[in-house]
PDB file of all heavy atoms in Angstrom:
ATOM      1  N   LEU A   1       0.923  -6.110  -3.546  1.00  0.00           N
ATOM      2  CA  LEU A   1       2.280  -5.572  -3.512  1.00  0.00           C
ATOM      3  C   LEU A   1       3.071  -6.271  -4.602  1.00  0.00           C
ATOM      4  O   LEU A   1       3.095  -7.499  -4.664  1.00  0.00           O
ATOM      5  CB  LEU A   1       2.931  -5.824  -2.154  1.00  0.00           C
ATOM      6  CG  LEU A   1       4.433  -5.565  -2.043  1.00  0.00           C
ATOM      7  CD1 LEU A   1       4.766  -4.098  -2.299  1.00  0.00           C
ATOM      8  CD2 LEU A   1       4.963  -6.028  -0.693  1.00  0.00           C
ATOM      9  N   GLU A   2       3.699  -5.481  -5.469  1.00  0.00           N
ATOM     10  CA  GLU A   2       4.531  -6.041  -6.533  1.00  0.00           C
ATOM     11  C   GLU A   2       5.900  -5.393  -6.486  1.00  0.00           C
ATOM     12  O   GLU A   2       6.027  -4.209  -6.170  1.00  0.00           O
ATOM     13  CB  GLU A   2       3.856  -5.848  -7.887  1.00  0.00           C
ATOM     14  CG  GLU A   2       2.543  -6.616  -7.957  1.00  0.00           C
ATOM     15  CD  GLU A   2       1.805  -6.480  -9.259  1.00  0.00           C
ATOM     16  OE1 GLU A   2       1.982  -5.491  -9.984  1.00  0.00           O
ATOM     17  OE2 GLU A   2       1.018  -7.394  -9.552  1.00  0.00           O
ATOM     18  N   THR A   3       6.921  -6.193  -6.820  1.00  0.00           N
ATOM     19  CA  THR A   3       8.295  -5.738  -6.657  1.00  0.00           C
ATOM     20  C   THR A   3       9.101  -5.901  -7.940  1.00  0.00           C
ATOM     21  O   THR A   3       8.792  -6.725  -8.791  1.00  0.00           O
ATOM     22  CB  THR A   3       8.997  -6.529  -5.538  1.00  0.00           C
ATOM     23  OG1 THR A   3       9.170  -7.879  -5.958  1.00  0.00           O
ATOM     24  CG2 THR A   3       8.203  -6.493  -4.243  1.00  0.00           C
ATOM     25  N   SER A   4      10.145  -5.091  -8.020  1.00  0.00           N
ATOM     26  CA  SER A   4      11.137  -5.206  -9.078  1.00  0.00           C
ATOM     27  C   SER A   4      12.470  -4.821  -8.434  1.00  0.00           C
ATOM     28  O   SER A   4      12.745  -3.642  -8.233  1.00  0.00           O
ATOM     29  CB  SER A   4      10.803  -4.272 -10.241  1.00  0.00           C
ATOM     30  OG  SER A   4      11.779  -4.380 -11.246  1.00  0.00           O
ATOM     31  N   GLY A   5      13.253  -5.827  -8.081  1.00  0.00           N
ATOM     32  CA  GLY A   5      14.460  -5.555  -7.312  1.00  0.00           C
ATOM     33  C   GLY A   5      14.056  -4.970  -5.972  1.00  0.00           C
ATOM     34  O   GLY A   5      13.171  -5.480  -5.295  1.00  0.00           O
ATOM     35  N   LYS A   6      14.663  -3.854  -5.578  1.00  0.00           N
ATOM     36  CA  LYS A   6      14.283  -3.223  -4.316  1.00  0.00           C
ATOM     37  C   LYS A   6      13.113  -2.260  -4.485  1.00  0.00           C
ATOM     38  O   LYS A   6      12.581  -1.732  -3.524  1.00  0.00           O
ATOM     39  CB  LYS A   6      15.478  -2.502  -3.700  1.00  0.00           C
ATOM     40  CG  LYS A   6      15.873  -1.214  -4.405  1.00  0.00           C
ATOM     41  CD  LYS A   6      16.969  -0.495  -3.632  1.00  0.00           C
ATOM     42  CE  LYS A   6      17.243   0.879  -4.218  1.00  0.00           C
ATOM     43  NZ  LYS A   6      18.168   1.645  -3.406  1.00  0.00           N
ATOM     44  N   TYR A   7      12.689  -2.040  -5.716  1.00  0.00           N
ATOM     45  CA  TYR A   7      11.604  -1.102  -5.996  1.00  0.00           C
ATOM     46  C   TYR A   7      10.262  -1.824  -5.925  1.00  0.00           C
ATOM     47  O   TYR A   7      10.172  -3.008  -6.238  1.00  0.00           O
ATOM     48  CB  TYR A   7      11.821  -0.432  -7.358  1.00  0.00           C
ATOM     49  CG  TYR A   7      13.123   0.330  -7.364  1.00  0.00           C
ATOM     50  CD1 TYR A   7      14.268  -0.238  -7.887  1.00  0.00           C
ATOM     51  CD2 TYR A   7      13.205   1.586  -6.773  1.00  0.00           C
ATOM     52  CE1 TYR A   7      15.478   0.438  -7.847  1.00  0.00           C
ATOM     53  CE2 TYR A   7      14.407   2.272  -6.728  1.00  0.00           C
ATOM     54  CZ  TYR A   7      15.544   1.696  -7.256  1.00  0.00           C
ATOM     55  OH  TYR A   7      16.738   2.358  -7.201  1.00  0.00           O
ATOM     56  N   TRP A   8       9.237  -1.088  -5.527  1.00  0.00           N
ATOM     57  CA  TRP A   8       7.939  -1.723  -5.324  1.00  0.00           C
ATOM     58  C   TRP A   8       6.807  -0.713  -5.480  1.00  0.00           C
ATOM     59  O   TRP A   8       7.019   0.495  -5.389  1.00  0.00           O
ATOM     60  CB  TRP A   8       7.875  -2.368  -3.936  1.00  0.00           C
ATOM     61  CG  TRP A   8       8.158  -1.405  -2.814  1.00  0.00           C
ATOM     62  CD1 TRP A   8       9.383  -1.109  -2.279  1.00  0.00           C
ATOM     63  CD2 TRP A   8       7.215  -0.588  -2.107  1.00  0.00           C
ATOM     64  NE1 TRP A   8       9.260  -0.165  -1.285  1.00  0.00           N
ATOM     65  CE2 TRP A   8       7.928   0.170  -1.155  1.00  0.00           C
ATOM     66  CE3 TRP A   8       5.838  -0.431  -2.175  1.00  0.00           C
ATOM     67  CZ2 TRP A   8       7.323   1.071  -0.286  1.00  0.00           C
ATOM     68  CZ3 TRP A   8       5.218   0.464  -1.317  1.00  0.00           C
ATOM     69  CH2 TRP A   8       5.972   1.197  -0.371  1.00  0.00           C
ATOM     70  N   ALA A   9       5.629  -1.259  -5.733  1.00  0.00           N
ATOM     71  CA  ALA A   9       4.396  -0.477  -5.788  1.00  0.00           C
ATOM     72  C   ALA A   9       3.317  -1.298  -5.108  1.00  0.00           C
ATOM     73  O   ALA A   9       3.315  -2.533  -5.185  1.00  0.00           O
ATOM     74  CB  ALA A   9       4.007  -0.165  -7.229  1.00  0.00           C
ATOM     75  N   ALA A  10       2.405  -0.611  -4.426  1.00  0.00           N
ATOM     76  CA  ALA A  10       1.307  -1.293  -3.734  1.00  0.00           C
ATOM     77  C   ALA A  10      -0.010  -0.616  -4.077  1.00  0.00           C
ATOM     78  O   ALA A  10      -0.088   0.609  -4.174  1.00  0.00           O
ATOM     79  CB  ALA A  10       1.543  -1.274  -2.227  1.00  0.00           C
ATOM     80  N   GLU A  11      -1.005  -1.441  -4.261  1.00  0.00           N
ATOM     81  CA  GLU A  11      -2.350  -0.949  -4.574  1.00  0.00           C
ATOM     82  C   GLU A  11      -3.329  -1.499  -3.549  1.00  0.00           C
ATOM     83  O   GLU A  11      -3.383  -2.704  -3.305  1.00  0.00           O
ATOM     84  CB  GLU A  11      -2.762  -1.412  -5.970  1.00  0.00           C
ATOM     85  CG  GLU A  11      -4.157  -1.005  -6.353  1.00  0.00           C
ATOM     86  CD  GLU A  11      -4.590  -1.558  -7.701  1.00  0.00           C
ATOM     87  OE1 GLU A  11      -3.726  -2.004  -8.486  1.00  0.00           O
ATOM     88  OE2 GLU A  11      -5.797  -1.544  -7.956  1.00  0.00           O
ATOM     89  N   LYS A  12      -4.102  -0.614  -2.946  1.00  0.00           N
ATOM     90  CA  LYS A  12      -5.160  -1.039  -2.039  1.00  0.00           C
ATOM     91  C   LYS A  12      -6.326  -1.532  -2.890  1.00  0.00           C
ATOM     92  O   LYS A  12      -6.765  -0.851  -3.813  1.00  0.00           O
ATOM     93  CB  LYS A  12      -5.594   0.118  -1.139  1.00  0.00           C
ATOM     94  CG  LYS A  12      -6.564  -0.293  -0.070  1.00  0.00           C
ATOM     95  CD  LYS A  12      -6.855   0.852   0.872  1.00  0.00           C
ATOM     96  CE  LYS A  12      -7.790   0.390   1.967  1.00  0.00           C
ATOM     97  NZ  LYS A  12      -8.079   1.484   2.908  1.00  0.00           N
ATOM     98  N   VAL A  13      -6.805  -2.723  -2.585  1.00  0.00           N
ATOM     99  CA  VAL A  13      -7.919  -3.304  -3.336  1.00  0.00           C
ATOM    100  C   VAL A  13      -9.204  -2.685  -2.805  1.00  0.00           C
ATOM    101  O   VAL A  13      -9.519  -2.807  -1.631  1.00  0.00           O
ATOM    102  CB  VAL A  13      -7.935  -4.841  -3.202  1.00  0.00           C
ATOM    103  CG1 VAL A  13      -9.114  -5.439  -3.956  1.00  0.00           C
ATOM    104  CG2 VAL A  13      -6.619  -5.434  -3.679  1.00  0.00           C
ATOM    105  N   GLU A  14      -9.923  -2.016  -3.687  1.00  0.00           N
ATOM    106  CA  GLU A  14     -11.142  -1.311  -3.285  1.00  0.00           C
ATOM    107  C   GLU A  14     -12.403  -2.116  -3.552  1.00  0.00           C
ATOM    108  O   GLU A  14     -13.476  -1.747  -3.119  1.00  0.00           O
ATOM    109  CB  GLU A  14     -11.227   0.034  -4.013  1.00  0.00           C
ATOM    110  CG  GLU A  14     -10.046   0.946  -3.771  1.00  0.00           C
ATOM    111  CD  GLU A  14      -9.947   1.494  -2.348  1.00  0.00           C
ATOM    112  OE1 GLU A  14     -10.931   1.390  -1.581  1.00  0.00           O
ATOM    113  OE2 GLU A  14      -8.878   2.019  -2.007  1.00  0.00           O
ATOM    114  N   GLY A  15     -12.310  -3.211  -4.289  1.00  0.00           N
ATOM    115  CA  GLY A  15     -13.472  -4.035  -4.586  1.00  0.00           C
ATOM    116  C   GLY A  15     -13.171  -4.971  -5.735  1.00  0.00           C
ATOM    117  O   GLY A  15     -12.098  -4.930  -6.326  1.00  0.00           O
ATOM    118  N   GLY A  16     -14.131  -5.815  -6.047  1.00  0.00           N
ATOM    119  CA  GLY A  16     -13.953  -6.750  -7.152  1.00  0.00           C
ATOM    120  C   GLY A  16     -13.024  -7.892  -6.788  1.00  0.00           C
ATOM    121  O   GLY A  16     -12.952  -8.290  -5.638  1.00  0.00           O
ATOM    122  N   VAL A  17     -12.329  -8.397  -7.771  1.00  0.00           N
ATOM    123  CA  VAL A  17     -11.395  -9.506  -7.574  1.00  0.00           C
ATOM    124  C   VAL A  17     -10.026  -9.095  -8.093  1.00  0.00           C
ATOM    125  O   VAL A  17      -9.912  -8.250  -8.976  1.00  0.00           O
ATOM    126  CB  VAL A  17     -11.870 -10.796  -8.290  1.00  0.00           C
ATOM    127  CG1 VAL A  17     -13.175 -11.296  -7.690  1.00  0.00           C
ATOM    128  CG2 VAL A  17     -12.029 -10.582  -9.788  1.00  0.00           C
ATOM    129  N   ARG A  18      -8.978  -9.685  -7.534  1.00  0.00           N
ATOM    130  CA  ARG A  18      -7.600  -9.447  -7.988  1.00  0.00           C
ATOM    131  C   ARG A  18      -6.847 -10.751  -7.947  1.00  0.00           C
ATOM    132  O   ARG A  18      -7.108 -11.608  -7.115  1.00  0.00           O
ATOM    133  CB  ARG A  18      -6.885  -8.444  -7.071  1.00  0.00           C
ATOM    134  CG  ARG A  18      -7.300  -7.006  -7.252  1.00  0.00           C
ATOM    135  CD  ARG A  18      -6.997  -6.457  -8.653  1.00  0.00           C
ATOM    136  NE  ARG A  18      -5.619  -6.581  -9.055  1.00  0.00           N
ATOM    137  CZ  ARG A  18      -4.673  -5.676  -8.845  1.00  0.00           C
ATOM    138  NH1 ARG A  18      -4.969  -4.550  -8.232  1.00  0.00           N
ATOM    139  NH2 ARG A  18      -3.438  -5.877  -9.254  1.00  0.00           N
ATOM    140  N   ASN A  19      -5.897 -10.886  -8.831  1.00  0.00           N
ATOM    141  CA  ASN A  19      -5.002 -12.026  -8.794  1.00  0.00           C
ATOM    142  C   ASN A  19      -3.605 -11.573  -9.178  1.00  0.00           C
ATOM    143  O   ASN A  19      -3.416 -10.497  -9.737  1.00  0.00           O
ATOM    144  CB  ASN A  19      -5.504 -13.164  -9.691  1.00  0.00           C
ATOM    145  CG  ASN A  19      -5.448 -12.866 -11.171  1.00  0.00           C
ATOM    146  OD1 ASN A  19      -5.670 -11.744 -11.600  1.00  0.00           O
ATOM    147  ND2 ASN A  19      -5.176 -13.874 -11.965  1.00  0.00           N
ATOM    148  N   ILE A  20      -2.646 -12.396  -8.837  1.00  0.00           N
ATOM    149  CA  ILE A  20      -1.254 -12.158  -9.216  1.00  0.00           C
ATOM    150  C   ILE A  20      -0.749 -13.450  -9.849  1.00  0.00           C
ATOM    151  O   ILE A  20      -1.198 -14.538  -9.490  1.00  0.00           O
ATOM    152  CB  ILE A  20      -0.373 -11.760  -8.012  1.00  0.00           C
ATOM    153  CG1 ILE A  20      -0.461 -12.798  -6.889  1.00  0.00           C
ATOM    154  CG2 ILE A  20      -0.766 -10.379  -7.503  1.00  0.00           C
ATOM    155  CD1 ILE A  20       0.473 -12.550  -5.722  1.00  0.00           C
ATOM    156  N   SER A  21       0.157 -13.322 -10.800  1.00  0.00           N
ATOM    157  CA  SER A  21       0.663 -14.534 -11.432  1.00  0.00           C
ATOM    158  C   SER A  21       1.883 -14.226 -12.280  1.00  0.00           C
ATOM    159  O   SER A  21       1.790 -14.066 -13.487  1.00  0.00           O
ATOM    160  CB  SER A  21      -0.425 -15.181 -12.291  1.00  0.00           C
ATOM    161  OG  SER A  21       0.030 -16.425 -12.762  1.00  0.00           O
ATOM    162  N   ASN A  22       3.028 -14.125 -11.652  1.00  0.00           N
ATOM    163  CA  ASN A  22       4.319 -14.023 -12.329  1.00  0.00           C
ATOM    164  C   ASN A  22       4.408 -12.898 -13.361  1.00  0.00           C
ATOM    165  O   ASN A  22       5.099 -13.041 -14.361  1.00  0.00           O
ATOM    166  CB  ASN A  22       4.690 -15.357 -12.983  1.00  0.00           C
ATOM    167  CG  ASN A  22       4.911 -16.430 -11.954  1.00  0.00           C
ATOM    168  OD1 ASN A  22       4.071 -16.636 -11.085  1.00  0.00           O
ATOM    169  ND2 ASN A  22       6.030 -17.095 -12.014  1.00  0.00           N
ATOM    170  N   GLN A  23       3.709 -11.830 -13.136  1.00  0.00           N
ATOM    171  CA  GLN A  23       3.863 -10.638 -13.952  1.00  0.00           C
ATOM    172  C   GLN A  23       3.293  -9.468 -13.157  1.00  0.00           C
ATOM    173  O   GLN A  23       2.523  -9.662 -12.226  1.00  0.00           O
ATOM    174  CB  GLN A  23       3.155 -10.770 -15.292  1.00  0.00           C
ATOM    175  CG  GLN A  23       1.641 -10.832 -15.197  1.00  0.00           C
ATOM    176  CD  GLN A  23       1.021 -11.104 -16.551  1.00  0.00           C
ATOM    177  OE1 GLN A  23       1.393 -12.057 -17.219  1.00  0.00           O
ATOM    178  NE2 GLN A  23       0.089 -10.282 -16.950  1.00  0.00           N
ATOM    179  N   LEU A  24       3.700  -8.278 -13.505  1.00  0.00           N
ATOM    180  CA  LEU A  24       3.207  -7.105 -12.804  1.00  0.00           C
ATOM    181  C   LEU A  24       1.797  -6.778 -13.277  1.00  0.00           C
ATOM    182  O   LEU A  24       1.503  -6.853 -14.465  1.00  0.00           O
ATOM    183  CB  LEU A  24       4.146  -5.920 -13.047  1.00  0.00           C
ATOM    184  CG  LEU A  24       5.588  -6.121 -12.569  1.00  0.00           C
ATOM    185  CD1 LEU A  24       6.441  -4.916 -12.941  1.00  0.00           C
ATOM    186  CD2 LEU A  24       5.641  -6.390 -11.071  1.00  0.00           C
ATOM    187  N   SER A  25       0.940  -6.399 -12.331  1.00  0.00           N
ATOM    188  CA  SER A  25      -0.443  -6.064 -12.681  1.00  0.00           C
ATOM    189  C   SER A  25      -0.852  -4.684 -12.192  1.00  0.00           C
ATOM    190  O   SER A  25      -1.907  -4.191 -12.572  1.00  0.00           O
ATOM    191  CB  SER A  25      -1.399  -7.116 -12.114  1.00  0.00           C
ATOM    192  OG  SER A  25      -1.385  -7.086 -10.698  1.00  0.00           O
ATOM    193  N   ILE A  26      -0.044  -4.067 -11.339  1.00  0.00           N
ATOM    194  CA  ILE A  26      -0.358  -2.715 -10.863  1.00  0.00           C
ATOM    195  C   ILE A  26       0.018  -1.743 -11.974  1.00  0.00           C
ATOM    196  O   ILE A  26       1.160  -1.705 -12.419  1.00  0.00           O
ATOM    197  CB  ILE A  26       0.390  -2.387  -9.561  1.00  0.00           C
ATOM    198  CG1 ILE A  26      -0.078  -3.311  -8.427  1.00  0.00           C
ATOM    199  CG2 ILE A  26       0.188  -0.913  -9.184  1.00  0.00           C
ATOM    200  CD1 ILE A  26       0.716  -3.164  -7.142  1.00  0.00           C
ATOM    201  N   THR A  27      -0.944  -0.959 -12.410  1.00  0.00           N
ATOM    202  CA  THR A  27      -0.686  -0.035 -13.512  1.00  0.00           C
ATOM    203  C   THR A  27      -0.588   1.396 -12.965  1.00  0.00           C
ATOM    204  O   THR A  27       0.451   1.780 -12.456  1.00  0.00           O
ATOM    205  CB  THR A  27      -1.754  -0.178 -14.613  1.00  0.00           C
ATOM    206  OG1 THR A  27      -3.052   0.039 -14.045  1.00  0.00           O
ATOM    207  CG2 THR A  27      -1.693  -1.544 -15.263  1.00  0.00           C
ATOM    208  N   THR A  28      -1.645   2.190 -13.067  1.00  0.00           N
ATOM    209  CA  THR A  28      -1.581   3.605 -12.675  1.00  0.00           C
ATOM    210  C   THR A  28      -2.171   3.881 -11.297  1.00  0.00           C
ATOM    211  O   THR A  28      -1.947   4.946 -10.746  1.00  0.00           O
ATOM    212  CB  THR A  28      -2.299   4.485 -13.711  1.00  0.00           C
ATOM    213  OG1 THR A  28      -3.657   4.061 -13.817  1.00  0.00           O
ATOM    214  CG2 THR A  28      -1.610   4.372 -15.071  1.00  0.00           C
ATOM    215  N   LYS A  29      -2.923   2.941 -10.727  1.00  0.00           N
ATOM    216  CA  LYS A  29      -3.471   3.130  -9.378  1.00  0.00           C
ATOM    217  C   LYS A  29      -2.439   2.612  -8.376  1.00  0.00           C
ATOM    218  O   LYS A  29      -2.374   1.429  -8.097  1.00  0.00           O
ATOM    219  CB  LYS A  29      -4.803   2.414  -9.201  1.00  0.00           C
ATOM    220  CG  LYS A  29      -5.431   2.672  -7.830  1.00  0.00           C
ATOM    221  CD  LYS A  29      -6.696   1.848  -7.627  1.00  0.00           C
ATOM    222  CE  LYS A  29      -7.327   2.072  -6.285  1.00  0.00           C
ATOM    223  NZ  LYS A  29      -6.500   1.732  -5.137  1.00  0.00           N
ATOM    224  N   ILE A  30      -1.634   3.519  -7.875  1.00  0.00           N
ATOM    225  CA  ILE A  30      -0.585   3.168  -6.915  1.00  0.00           C
ATOM    226  C   ILE A  30      -0.871   3.938  -5.634  1.00  0.00           C
ATOM    227  O   ILE A  30      -0.903   5.163  -5.624  1.00  0.00           O
ATOM    228  CB  ILE A  30       0.817   3.527  -7.461  1.00  0.00           C
ATOM    229  CG1 ILE A  30       1.069   2.766  -8.769  1.00  0.00           C
ATOM    230  CG2 ILE A  30       1.890   3.220  -6.424  1.00  0.00           C
ATOM    231  CD1 ILE A  30       2.323   3.197  -9.497  1.00  0.00           C
ATOM    232  N   ASP A  31      -1.095   3.201  -4.550  1.00  0.00           N
ATOM    233  CA  ASP A  31      -1.431   3.839  -3.283  1.00  0.00           C
ATOM    234  C   ASP A  31      -0.224   4.027  -2.369  1.00  0.00           C
ATOM    235  O   ASP A  31      -0.218   4.917  -1.530  1.00  0.00           O
ATOM    236  CB  ASP A  31      -2.526   3.033  -2.574  1.00  0.00           C
ATOM    237  CG  ASP A  31      -3.810   3.029  -3.377  1.00  0.00           C
ATOM    238  OD1 ASP A  31      -4.360   4.110  -3.619  1.00  0.00           O
ATOM    239  OD2 ASP A  31      -4.256   1.935  -3.788  1.00  0.00           O
ATOM    240  N   ARG A  32       0.769   3.183  -2.518  1.00  0.00           N
ATOM    241  CA  ARG A  32       2.053   3.349  -1.816  1.00  0.00           C
ATOM    242  C   ARG A  32       3.143   2.896  -2.772  1.00  0.00           C
ATOM    243  O   ARG A  32       2.918   2.020  -3.600  1.00  0.00           O
ATOM    244  CB  ARG A  32       2.094   2.521  -0.525  1.00  0.00           C
ATOM    245  CG  ARG A  32       1.179   3.073   0.554  1.00  0.00           C
ATOM    246  CD  ARG A  32       1.302   2.347   1.882  1.00  0.00           C
ATOM    247  NE  ARG A  32       2.668   2.302   2.349  1.00  0.00           N
ATOM    248  CZ  ARG A  32       3.074   1.556   3.389  1.00  0.00           C
ATOM    249  NH1 ARG A  32       2.219   0.816   4.059  1.00  0.00           N
ATOM    250  NH2 ARG A  32       4.339   1.550   3.761  1.00  0.00           N
ATOM    251  N   GLU A  33       4.338   3.489  -2.637  1.00  0.00           N
ATOM    252  CA  GLU A  33       5.429   3.132  -3.553  1.00  0.00           C
ATOM    253  C   GLU A  33       6.774   3.381  -2.908  1.00  0.00           C
ATOM    254  O   GLU A  33       6.893   4.150  -1.942  1.00  0.00           O
ATOM    255  CB  GLU A  33       5.317   3.936  -4.840  1.00  0.00           C
ATOM    256  CG  GLU A  33       5.521   5.421  -4.635  1.00  0.00           C
ATOM    257  CD  GLU A  33       5.172   6.252  -5.860  1.00  0.00           C
ATOM    258  OE1 GLU A  33       4.052   6.134  -6.355  1.00  0.00           O
ATOM    259  OE2 GLU A  33       6.049   7.019  -6.302  1.00  0.00           O
ATOM    260  N   HIS A  34       7.777   2.728  -3.452  1.00  0.00           N
ATOM    261  CA  HIS A  34       9.154   2.982  -3.041  1.00  0.00           C
ATOM    262  C   HIS A  34       9.426   4.469  -3.287  1.00  0.00           C
ATOM    263  O   HIS A  34       9.047   4.998  -4.343  1.00  0.00           O
ATOM    264  CB  HIS A  34      10.107   2.112  -3.857  1.00  0.00           C
ATOM    265  CG  HIS A  34      11.529   2.233  -3.439  1.00  0.00           C
ATOM    266  ND1 HIS A  34      12.325   3.297  -3.810  1.00  0.00           N
ATOM    267  CD2 HIS A  34      12.304   1.432  -2.676  1.00  0.00           C
ATOM    268  CE1 HIS A  34      13.533   3.144  -3.299  1.00  0.00           C
ATOM    269  NE2 HIS A  34      13.544   2.012  -2.607  1.00  0.00           N
ATOM    270  N   PRO A  35      10.087   5.151  -2.360  1.00  0.00           N
ATOM    271  CA  PRO A  35      10.283   6.597  -2.518  1.00  0.00           C
ATOM    272  C   PRO A  35      11.077   7.008  -3.761  1.00  0.00           C
ATOM    273  O   PRO A  35      10.956   8.142  -4.220  1.00  0.00           O
ATOM    274  CB  PRO A  35      11.006   7.014  -1.236  1.00  0.00           C
ATOM    275  CG  PRO A  35      11.472   5.759  -0.598  1.00  0.00           C
ATOM    276  CD  PRO A  35      10.633   4.645  -1.111  1.00  0.00           C
ATOM    277  N   GLU A  36      11.859   6.106  -4.327  1.00  0.00           N
ATOM    278  CA  GLU A  36      12.646   6.429  -5.520  1.00  0.00           C
ATOM    279  C   GLU A  36      12.145   5.716  -6.771  1.00  0.00           C
ATOM    280  O   GLU A  36      12.831   5.693  -7.802  1.00  0.00           O
ATOM    281  CB  GLU A  36      14.116   6.066  -5.273  1.00  0.00           C
ATOM    282  CG  GLU A  36      14.724   6.828  -4.101  1.00  0.00           C
ATOM    283  CD  GLU A  36      16.050   6.238  -3.647  1.00  0.00           C
ATOM    284  OE1 GLU A  36      16.581   5.337  -4.324  1.00  0.00           O
ATOM    285  OE2 GLU A  36      16.541   6.675  -2.599  1.00  0.00           O
ATOM    286  N   LEU A  37      10.949   5.133  -6.716  1.00  0.00           N
ATOM    287  CA  LEU A  37      10.413   4.336  -7.813  1.00  0.00           C
ATOM    288  C   LEU A  37      10.397   5.090  -9.137  1.00  0.00           C
ATOM    289  O   LEU A  37      10.919   4.614 -10.149  1.00  0.00           O
ATOM    290  CB  LEU A  37       8.990   3.874  -7.466  1.00  0.00           C
ATOM    291  CG  LEU A  37       8.262   3.056  -8.517  1.00  0.00           C
ATOM    292  CD1 LEU A  37       8.826   1.637  -8.560  1.00  0.00           C
ATOM    293  CD2 LEU A  37       6.773   3.016  -8.220  1.00  0.00           C
ATOM    294  N   LYS A  38       9.829   6.278  -9.132  1.00  0.00           N
ATOM    295  CA  LYS A  38       9.680   7.044 -10.371  1.00  0.00           C
ATOM    296  C   LYS A  38      11.005   7.656 -10.816  1.00  0.00           C
ATOM    297  O   LYS A  38      11.318   7.673 -12.010  1.00  0.00           O
ATOM    298  CB  LYS A  38       8.608   8.113 -10.199  1.00  0.00           C
ATOM    299  CG  LYS A  38       7.222   7.517 -10.028  1.00  0.00           C
ATOM    300  CD  LYS A  38       6.167   8.564  -9.746  1.00  0.00           C
ATOM    301  CE  LYS A  38       4.828   7.887  -9.498  1.00  0.00           C
ATOM    302  NZ  LYS A  38       3.845   8.804  -8.954  1.00  0.00           N
ATOM    303  N   GLU A  39      11.789   8.124  -9.868  1.00  0.00           N
ATOM    304  CA  GLU A  39      13.083   8.725 -10.220  1.00  0.00           C
ATOM    305  C   GLU A  39      14.012   7.685 -10.841  1.00  0.00           C
ATOM    306  O   GLU A  39      14.728   7.973 -11.794  1.00  0.00           O
ATOM    307  CB  GLU A  39      13.727   9.361  -8.983  1.00  0.00           C
ATOM    308  CG  GLU A  39      14.926  10.209  -9.290  1.00  0.00           C
ATOM    309  CD  GLU A  39      14.646  11.316 -10.320  1.00  0.00           C
ATOM    310  OE1 GLU A  39      13.600  11.978 -10.235  1.00  0.00           O
ATOM    311  OE2 GLU A  39      15.492  11.493 -11.215  1.00  0.00           O
ATOM    312  N   TYR A  40      13.989   6.452 -10.317  1.00  0.00           N
ATOM    313  CA  TYR A  40      14.812   5.386 -10.880  1.00  0.00           C
ATOM    314  C   TYR A  40      14.373   5.078 -12.310  1.00  0.00           C
ATOM    315  O   TYR A  40      15.210   4.888 -13.199  1.00  0.00           O
ATOM    316  CB  TYR A  40      14.730   4.133  -9.997  1.00  0.00           C
ATOM    317  CG  TYR A  40      15.628   3.019 -10.449  1.00  0.00           C
ATOM    318  CD1 TYR A  40      17.007   3.098 -10.305  1.00  0.00           C
ATOM    319  CD2 TYR A  40      15.090   1.869 -11.034  1.00  0.00           C
ATOM    320  CE1 TYR A  40      17.833   2.059 -10.732  1.00  0.00           C
ATOM    321  CE2 TYR A  40      15.907   0.833 -11.452  1.00  0.00           C
ATOM    322  CZ  TYR A  40      17.275   0.937 -11.304  1.00  0.00           C
ATOM    323  OH  TYR A  40      18.090  -0.087 -11.729  1.00  0.00           O
ATOM    324  N   ALA A  41      13.064   5.046 -12.540  1.00  0.00           N
ATOM    325  CA  ALA A  41      12.550   4.796 -13.896  1.00  0.00           C
ATOM    326  C   ALA A  41      12.972   5.913 -14.845  1.00  0.00           C
ATOM    327  O   ALA A  41      13.372   5.647 -15.983  1.00  0.00           O
ATOM    328  CB  ALA A  41      11.030   4.664 -13.860  1.00  0.00           C
TER     329      ALA A  41
END
């Protein structure tokens, strides 16, 4: 789960390894999102 203000995107991990570290890493595979995420962008 990664956030930007009240906006957010979540990706279900399907395999492999993942890490987070003070930057956004979710790109185009978004499994859940803030309902206004794209409209705000």
